[in-house]
N, C-alpha and C. Protein backbone atom coordinates (compact mmCIF):
# COMPACT_ATOMS: atom_id res chain seq x y z
N MET A 1 0.76 -1.11 -0.07
CA MET A 1 0.05 0.12 0.22
C MET A 1 0.93 1.47 0.10
N THR A 2 0.80 2.30 -0.60
CA THR A 2 1.31 3.41 -0.95
C THR A 2 1.00 4.49 -0.03
N THR A 3 1.63 5.15 0.84
CA THR A 3 1.31 6.16 1.41
C THR A 3 0.75 8.06 0.78
N LYS A 4 -0.61 7.63 1.22
CA LYS A 4 -0.61 9.06 0.15
C LYS A 4 -0.11 10.48 0.80
N ARG A 5 0.07 11.11 -0.11
CA ARG A 5 1.23 12.17 0.13
C ARG A 5 0.27 13.34 -0.46
N PHE A 6 -1.05 13.30 -1.02
CA PHE A 6 -1.73 15.37 -1.32
C PHE A 6 -2.97 14.52 -0.29
N SER A 7 -3.13 15.40 0.48
CA SER A 7 -4.44 15.74 1.08
C SER A 7 -5.20 16.79 1.18
N LEU A 8 -6.29 17.05 0.76
CA LEU A 8 -7.53 17.85 1.03
C LEU A 8 -8.01 17.91 2.73
N VAL A 9 -8.17 19.36 3.55
CA VAL A 9 -8.25 18.80 4.93
C VAL A 9 -9.13 20.44 5.26
N ASP A 10 -10.02 20.03 6.07
CA ASP A 10 -10.97 20.96 6.34
C ASP A 10 -10.68 21.55 8.06
N ALA A 11 -10.10 21.16 8.40
CA ALA A 11 -9.48 21.63 9.91
C ALA A 11 -8.03 22.40 9.65
N ALA A 12 -7.21 22.18 10.80
CA ALA A 12 -5.87 22.70 10.86
C ALA A 12 -5.32 21.86 10.42
N ILE A 13 -4.39 22.56 10.00
CA ILE A 13 -3.06 21.69 9.10
C ILE A 13 -2.19 21.23 10.25
N ASP A 14 -2.18 19.98 10.72
CA ASP A 14 -0.54 19.75 11.76
C ASP A 14 0.31 19.96 11.03
N VAL A 15 1.45 21.14 11.02
CA VAL A 15 2.70 21.02 10.34
C VAL A 15 3.63 19.98 10.96
N GLY A 16 2.91 19.65 12.10
CA GLY A 16 4.28 18.53 12.96
C GLY A 16 4.22 17.38 12.56
N VAL A 17 3.19 16.81 12.58
CA VAL A 17 2.82 15.54 11.81
C VAL A 17 3.36 15.40 10.66
N GLU A 18 2.98 16.56 9.51
CA GLU A 18 3.44 16.40 7.77
C GLU A 18 4.55 16.16 7.79
N ARG A 19 5.49 17.27 8.56
CA ARG A 19 7.11 17.42 8.71
C ARG A 19 7.73 16.04 9.20
N ARG A 20 7.16 15.41 9.77
CA ARG A 20 7.78 14.00 10.31
C ARG A 20 7.38 12.90 9.50
N ALA A 21 6.62 12.95 8.57
CA ALA A 21 6.32 12.47 7.49
C ALA A 21 7.34 12.31 6.31
N LEU A 22 7.98 13.32 6.75
CA LEU A 22 9.33 13.61 5.79
C LEU A 22 10.63 12.82 6.26
N ASP A 23 10.67 12.30 7.37
CA ASP A 23 11.86 11.70 7.69
C ASP A 23 12.43 10.63 6.92
N HIS A 24 13.62 10.56 6.66
CA HIS A 24 14.38 9.63 6.07
C HIS A 24 15.83 9.42 6.44
N ALA A 25 16.47 8.81 7.10
CA ALA A 25 17.89 8.64 7.26
C ALA A 25 18.70 9.26 6.36
N ALA A 26 18.48 9.35 4.80
CA ALA A 26 19.64 9.50 3.75
C ALA A 26 19.46 10.81 3.42
N ALA A 27 18.35 11.73 4.10
CA ALA A 27 18.05 12.47 3.75
C ALA A 27 18.94 13.83 4.17
N GLY A 28 19.21 14.61 3.65
CA GLY A 28 19.73 15.79 4.19
C GLY A 28 19.49 17.12 4.58
N ALA A 29 18.43 17.32 3.64
CA ALA A 29 17.68 18.81 3.63
C ALA A 29 16.24 18.60 3.36
N CYS A 30 15.63 19.70 4.23
CA CYS A 30 14.01 19.71 3.93
C CYS A 30 13.67 21.37 3.95
N ALA A 31 12.61 21.33 3.05
CA ALA A 31 12.49 22.31 2.16
C ALA A 31 11.14 22.20 2.63
N SER A 32 10.19 23.51 3.17
CA SER A 32 8.83 23.32 3.04
C SER A 32 7.99 25.12 2.88
N PHE A 33 6.99 25.37 2.54
CA PHE A 33 6.32 26.13 2.31
C PHE A 33 5.21 26.74 2.81
N GLU A 34 4.99 26.99 3.01
CA GLU A 34 3.23 27.67 3.64
C GLU A 34 2.67 28.39 3.45
N GLY A 35 1.68 28.49 3.04
CA GLY A 35 0.51 29.28 2.26
C GLY A 35 -0.54 30.26 3.06
N TRP A 36 -0.52 31.64 4.15
CA TRP A 36 -1.46 31.67 4.40
C TRP A 36 -2.30 32.39 3.73
N VAL A 37 -3.43 32.42 4.69
CA VAL A 37 -4.29 33.73 4.22
C VAL A 37 -4.22 35.00 4.40
N ARG A 38 -3.80 35.98 3.18
CA ARG A 38 -3.51 37.66 3.60
C ARG A 38 -4.82 38.02 3.85
N ASN A 39 -4.65 39.60 3.94
CA ASN A 39 -5.43 40.67 4.23
C ASN A 39 -6.28 41.37 3.36
N HIS A 40 -5.17 41.11 1.80
CA HIS A 40 -5.59 41.99 0.99
C HIS A 40 -4.85 40.91 -0.49
N ASN A 41 -5.95 41.53 -1.15
CA ASN A 41 -5.37 40.59 -3.13
C ASN A 41 -5.98 42.02 -4.36
N ASP A 42 -5.11 42.24 -4.62
CA ASP A 42 -4.92 43.11 -5.66
C ASP A 42 -6.08 44.14 -5.84
N GLY A 43 -5.02 45.07 -4.39
CA GLY A 43 -5.23 46.20 -3.87
C GLY A 43 -6.73 45.99 -3.54
N ARG A 44 -6.98 45.12 -2.86
CA ARG A 44 -8.44 45.10 -2.03
C ARG A 44 -8.91 44.45 -0.85
N ALA A 45 -8.89 45.05 0.28
CA ALA A 45 -9.23 44.63 1.36
C ALA A 45 -10.06 43.19 1.56
N VAL A 46 -9.20 42.25 2.41
CA VAL A 46 -10.00 40.79 2.02
C VAL A 46 -10.38 40.26 3.75
N LEU A 47 -11.14 39.95 3.59
CA LEU A 47 -11.45 39.54 5.31
C LEU A 47 -11.63 38.20 5.69
N ARG A 48 -11.69 37.29 4.16
CA ARG A 48 -11.94 36.19 4.83
C ARG A 48 -11.88 35.40 3.47
N LEU A 49 -11.40 34.31 3.33
CA LEU A 49 -11.86 32.90 2.28
C LEU A 49 -12.59 31.91 2.08
N ASP A 50 -12.93 31.22 1.31
CA ASP A 50 -13.88 30.20 0.92
C ASP A 50 -13.19 28.93 -0.02
N TYR A 51 -12.08 27.92 0.37
CA TYR A 51 -11.95 27.19 -0.08
C TYR A 51 -12.94 26.06 -0.73
N GLN A 52 -13.38 26.28 -1.72
CA GLN A 52 -13.83 24.58 -2.23
C GLN A 52 -12.79 24.11 -3.47
N ALA A 53 -13.04 22.62 -3.49
CA ALA A 53 -12.36 21.92 -4.42
C ALA A 53 -13.07 20.34 -5.14
N TYR A 54 -13.05 20.03 -6.19
CA TYR A 54 -13.64 18.90 -6.92
C TYR A 54 -12.55 17.55 -6.10
N ALA A 55 -13.06 17.05 -4.91
CA ALA A 55 -11.84 16.27 -4.24
C ALA A 55 -11.64 14.95 -4.89
N PRO A 56 -12.63 14.09 -5.91
CA PRO A 56 -11.89 12.88 -6.71
C PRO A 56 -10.57 13.48 -7.41
N LEU A 57 -10.68 14.94 -8.59
CA LEU A 57 -10.12 15.18 -9.01
C LEU A 57 -8.65 15.38 -8.77
N ALA A 58 -9.01 16.41 -7.58
CA ALA A 58 -7.98 16.97 -6.54
C ALA A 58 -7.14 16.18 -6.09
N GLY A 59 -7.65 15.30 -5.38
CA GLY A 59 -6.97 14.51 -4.65
C GLY A 59 -5.81 13.12 -5.87
N SER A 60 -6.43 12.91 -7.11
CA SER A 60 -5.77 12.06 -7.84
C SER A 60 -4.55 12.88 -8.63
N GLU A 61 -4.68 14.19 -9.11
CA GLU A 61 -3.97 15.37 -9.71
C GLU A 61 -2.91 15.60 -8.45
N GLY A 62 -3.14 15.83 -7.28
CA GLY A 62 -1.94 16.13 -6.49
C GLY A 62 -1.08 15.20 -6.06
N GLU A 63 -2.02 13.71 -5.77
CA GLU A 63 -0.92 12.48 -6.09
C GLU A 63 -0.21 12.84 -7.12
N ALA A 64 -0.68 12.75 -8.33
CA ALA A 64 0.23 12.57 -9.68
C ALA A 64 1.74 13.73 -9.78
N ILE A 65 1.01 15.03 -9.28
CA ILE A 65 2.10 16.05 -9.02
C ILE A 65 3.49 15.58 -8.16
N LEU A 66 3.19 15.19 -6.58
CA LEU A 66 3.90 14.60 -5.63
C LEU A 66 4.61 13.41 -6.76
N ALA A 67 3.87 12.38 -7.13
CA ALA A 67 4.95 11.36 -7.41
C ALA A 67 6.13 11.69 -8.59
N GLU A 68 5.69 12.77 -10.01
CA GLU A 68 6.06 13.53 -10.70
C GLU A 68 7.24 14.30 -9.92
N ALA A 69 7.35 14.91 -8.91
CA ALA A 69 8.25 16.02 -8.09
C ALA A 69 8.87 14.51 -7.50
N VAL A 70 8.83 13.59 -7.10
CA VAL A 70 10.07 12.61 -6.09
C VAL A 70 10.65 11.79 -7.60
N GLN A 71 10.43 11.92 -8.43
CA GLN A 71 10.89 11.26 -9.70
C GLN A 71 11.52 12.60 -10.47
N ARG A 72 10.89 13.79 -10.88
CA ARG A 72 12.14 14.53 -11.64
C ARG A 72 13.12 15.13 -10.46
N PHE A 73 12.85 15.35 -9.20
CA PHE A 73 13.95 16.18 -8.40
C PHE A 73 15.00 15.03 -7.62
N THR A 74 14.58 13.53 -7.78
CA THR A 74 15.00 12.90 -6.93
C THR A 74 15.31 13.33 -5.52
N VAL A 75 14.06 13.30 -5.10
CA VAL A 75 13.81 13.70 -3.50
C VAL A 75 13.31 12.22 -2.70
N ARG A 76 13.54 12.13 -1.55
CA ARG A 76 12.99 11.11 -0.93
C ARG A 76 11.48 10.86 -0.19
N GLU A 77 10.96 12.04 0.03
CA GLU A 77 9.45 12.61 0.33
C GLU A 77 9.03 13.67 -0.01
N ALA A 78 7.64 14.00 -0.42
CA ALA A 78 6.95 14.82 -0.58
C ALA A 78 5.53 15.05 -0.31
N ARG A 79 5.17 15.97 0.54
CA ARG A 79 4.19 16.10 0.97
C ARG A 79 3.14 17.56 0.49
N CYS A 80 2.02 17.09 0.25
CA CYS A 80 1.28 18.50 0.21
C CYS A 80 -0.14 18.36 1.14
N VAL A 81 -0.49 19.69 1.84
CA VAL A 81 -2.25 19.21 2.29
C VAL A 81 -2.27 20.70 1.58
N HIS A 82 -4.28 20.80 1.77
CA HIS A 82 -4.84 22.04 1.46
C HIS A 82 -5.69 22.01 2.06
N ARG A 83 -6.31 23.30 2.64
CA ARG A 83 -6.85 23.75 3.49
C ARG A 83 -8.47 23.63 2.48
N THR A 84 -9.72 22.86 3.11
CA THR A 84 -10.96 23.63 2.42
C THR A 84 -11.64 24.47 3.73
N GLY A 85 -13.01 24.81 3.07
CA GLY A 85 -14.00 25.36 3.63
C GLY A 85 -13.55 27.07 4.19
N ARG A 86 -13.82 27.61 5.72
CA ARG A 86 -13.82 29.12 5.97
C ARG A 86 -12.39 29.06 6.69
N LEU A 87 -11.73 30.39 5.90
CA LEU A 87 -10.15 29.90 6.57
C LEU A 87 -10.74 31.68 6.87
N ALA A 88 -9.67 32.24 7.74
CA ALA A 88 -9.59 33.32 8.49
C ALA A 88 -7.87 34.04 8.10
N ILE A 89 -8.23 35.62 8.43
CA ILE A 89 -6.78 36.18 7.69
C ILE A 89 -5.78 35.13 8.62
N GLY A 90 -4.98 34.89 8.54
CA GLY A 90 -3.91 34.45 8.85
C GLY A 90 -3.65 32.69 9.08
N ASP A 91 -4.69 32.28 8.79
CA ASP A 91 -4.76 30.84 8.52
C ASP A 91 -4.43 30.19 7.64
N LEU A 92 -3.41 28.59 7.67
CA LEU A 92 -2.32 28.55 6.93
C LEU A 92 -3.15 27.47 6.07
N ALA A 93 -3.15 28.03 4.43
CA ALA A 93 -3.81 27.83 3.87
C ALA A 93 -3.77 26.31 2.98
N VAL A 94 -2.52 26.59 2.95
CA VAL A 94 -1.50 25.02 2.36
C VAL A 94 0.31 25.03 2.49
N TRP A 95 0.33 23.56 3.18
CA TRP A 95 1.48 23.33 3.11
C TRP A 95 2.22 22.13 2.21
N VAL A 96 3.69 22.44 2.02
CA VAL A 96 4.07 21.68 0.92
C VAL A 96 5.49 21.61 2.11
N GLY A 97 6.13 20.13 2.11
CA GLY A 97 7.17 20.03 2.47
C GLY A 97 7.74 18.92 1.56
N VAL A 98 8.91 18.78 1.67
CA VAL A 98 10.06 18.18 0.61
C VAL A 98 11.04 17.42 1.44
N SER A 99 12.04 16.02 2.04
CA SER A 99 13.14 15.80 1.87
C SER A 99 13.51 15.39 0.84
N ALA A 100 15.35 15.55 1.23
CA ALA A 100 15.61 15.00 -0.13
C ALA A 100 17.40 14.80 0.45
N ASP A 101 18.77 14.25 -0.28
CA ASP A 101 19.57 14.34 -0.10
C ASP A 101 20.22 15.71 0.38
N HIS A 102 20.23 16.64 -0.64
CA HIS A 102 20.83 17.44 -0.68
C HIS A 102 19.82 18.87 -0.77
N ARG A 103 19.88 19.95 -0.38
CA ARG A 103 19.06 21.10 -0.52
C ARG A 103 18.66 21.74 -1.69
N ASP A 104 19.59 21.46 -2.69
CA ASP A 104 18.94 22.38 -3.91
C ASP A 104 18.00 21.23 -4.39
N ALA A 105 17.56 20.19 -4.58
CA ALA A 105 16.72 19.41 -4.80
C ALA A 105 15.29 19.65 -4.14
N ALA A 106 15.66 19.60 -2.62
CA ALA A 106 14.81 19.84 -1.92
C ALA A 106 13.85 21.26 -2.07
N PHE A 107 14.54 22.54 -2.59
CA PHE A 107 14.24 23.66 -3.11
C PHE A 107 13.78 24.01 -3.79
N ALA A 108 14.12 23.05 -4.86
CA ALA A 108 13.73 23.13 -6.24
C ALA A 108 12.27 22.20 -6.47
N ALA A 109 12.08 20.65 -5.89
CA ALA A 109 10.87 20.53 -5.99
C ALA A 109 10.24 20.73 -5.04
N CYS A 110 10.05 21.88 -3.97
CA CYS A 110 9.12 22.35 -3.04
C CYS A 110 8.19 23.35 -4.00
N ARG A 111 9.68 24.54 -4.58
CA ARG A 111 8.43 24.98 -5.10
C ARG A 111 7.66 24.71 -6.80
N TRP A 112 8.55 23.99 -7.10
CA TRP A 112 7.73 23.35 -8.43
C TRP A 112 6.29 22.65 -7.73
N ILE A 113 6.14 21.68 -6.95
CA ILE A 113 5.23 21.85 -5.90
C ILE A 113 3.85 22.14 -5.54
N ILE A 114 4.14 23.90 -5.16
CA ILE A 114 3.22 24.28 -5.22
C ILE A 114 2.61 25.28 -6.15
N ASP A 115 3.58 25.12 -7.36
CA ASP A 115 3.57 26.56 -8.50
C ASP A 115 2.11 25.16 -9.64
N GLU A 116 2.59 23.86 -9.33
CA GLU A 116 1.57 22.75 -10.50
C GLU A 116 0.58 22.76 -9.51
N VAL A 117 0.42 22.53 -7.85
CA VAL A 117 -0.98 22.49 -7.60
C VAL A 117 -1.70 23.33 -8.05
N LYS A 118 -1.02 24.91 -7.71
CA LYS A 118 -1.69 26.08 -7.91
C LYS A 118 -1.83 26.25 -9.73
N ARG A 119 -1.90 25.06 -10.71
CA ARG A 119 -1.78 25.70 -11.88
C ARG A 119 -3.02 24.12 -12.29
N ARG A 120 -2.43 23.30 -11.61
CA ARG A 120 -3.07 22.08 -12.31
C ARG A 120 -4.81 21.10 -11.20
N VAL A 121 -4.01 21.64 -9.78
CA VAL A 121 -5.49 20.89 -8.89
C VAL A 121 -6.94 21.85 -9.13
N PRO A 122 -7.89 20.86 -9.12
CA PRO A 122 -9.18 22.13 -9.08
C PRO A 122 -9.63 22.41 -7.48
N ILE A 123 -8.55 23.78 -7.34
CA ILE A 123 -9.45 24.09 -6.02
C ILE A 123 -9.73 25.33 -6.36
N TRP A 124 -10.60 26.17 -5.79
CA TRP A 124 -11.01 27.33 -5.85
C TRP A 124 -10.96 28.04 -4.57
N LYS A 125 -10.83 29.51 -4.37
CA LYS A 125 -11.47 30.63 -3.54
C LYS A 125 -12.44 31.17 -3.85
N ASN A 126 -13.26 31.67 -3.06
CA ASN A 126 -14.23 32.71 -2.99
C ASN A 126 -13.34 33.76 -1.63
N GLU A 127 -13.04 34.91 -2.20
CA GLU A 127 -12.34 36.00 -1.62
C GLU A 127 -13.45 36.79 -1.08
N HIS A 128 -13.28 37.28 -0.03
CA HIS A 128 -14.85 38.14 0.80
C HIS A 128 -13.62 39.07 1.33
N TYR A 129 -14.53 40.14 0.38
CA TYR A 129 -13.65 41.63 0.78
C TYR A 129 -14.61 42.48 1.65
N ALA A 130 -13.74 43.66 2.25
CA ALA A 130 -14.24 44.49 2.94
C ALA A 130 -15.26 45.31 2.34
N ASP A 131 -15.47 45.45 1.40
CA ASP A 131 -16.57 46.11 0.76
C ASP A 131 -17.60 45.79 0.29
N GLY A 132 -18.20 44.22 0.69
CA GLY A 132 -18.99 43.41 1.13
C GLY A 132 -19.39 42.69 -0.29
N GLU A 133 -18.46 42.44 -1.05
CA GLU A 133 -18.52 41.80 -2.55
C GLU A 133 -17.78 40.71 -2.12
N SER A 134 -17.55 39.45 -3.04
CA SER A 134 -16.52 38.03 -2.80
C SER A 134 -16.33 37.88 -4.65
N GLY A 135 -15.43 37.51 -4.60
CA GLY A 135 -15.23 36.89 -5.83
C GLY A 135 -14.67 35.38 -6.01
N TRP A 136 -15.10 34.28 -6.92
CA TRP A 136 -14.11 33.02 -6.95
C TRP A 136 -13.11 33.23 -7.50
N LEU A 137 -11.87 32.86 -7.11
CA LEU A 137 -10.56 32.73 -7.81
C LEU A 137 -10.24 31.54 -7.76
N HIS A 138 -9.24 31.20 -9.35
CA HIS A 138 -8.51 29.80 -9.04
C HIS A 138 -7.22 30.02 -8.30
N PRO A 139 -6.59 29.15 -7.27
CA PRO A 139 -5.61 29.67 -6.95
C PRO A 139 -4.49 30.51 -7.25
N ASP A 140 -4.51 30.36 -8.87
CA ASP A 140 -3.44 31.59 -9.40
C ASP A 140 -3.97 32.23 -9.57
N ASN A 141 -5.15 32.68 -9.20
CA ASN A 141 -5.84 34.06 -8.76
C ASN A 141 -6.59 34.53 -10.07
N THR A 142 -6.38 33.56 -10.86
CA THR A 142 -7.57 34.10 -12.53
C THR A 142 -8.65 33.86 -11.79
N PRO A 143 -9.56 34.59 -12.36
CA PRO A 143 -10.97 34.95 -11.73
C PRO A 143 -12.11 33.56 -12.24
N VAL A 144 -12.73 32.93 -11.76
CA VAL A 144 -13.82 32.48 -12.16
C VAL A 144 -14.83 32.75 -12.78
N ASP A 145 -15.99 32.37 -13.87
CA ASP A 145 -16.92 32.92 -14.50
C ASP A 145 -17.70 31.22 -13.72
N PRO A 146 -18.44 32.45 -12.55
CA PRO A 146 -19.44 31.20 -11.94
C PRO A 146 -20.70 30.44 -12.84
N ALA A 147 -20.66 31.37 -14.29
CA ALA A 147 -22.15 30.86 -15.58
C ALA A 147 -21.41 29.47 -16.43
């Protein structure tokens, strides 16, 4: 049975648990990325976010990205967790972690993973603005036409 590397969660991400999953006796480096909910986007004040995902496709595409990263960058382990549901300013929305024999591979793989997750995984966020409006965006910040 293979270990699940990508997951969607509707509660706070436990970075400690995720980090321990990267442990490997041959690894000499660990790199991680944390994406937090910020209070602004594109010149507008943001109050909160709601994340939604098409879970079956998000899970399979997320797993594919992490498997590709392990092969492409020759890393020991890679993991990614993305939140869904309602998030407040300052909440951790996404976490990526990579362990590798050397730092160059760990850094490169970590960056590549978050970029690919934002580009390929069907997760959308609804930004709620201070002026009372809201808008759906794909995580790469492209607007989503709800029609």
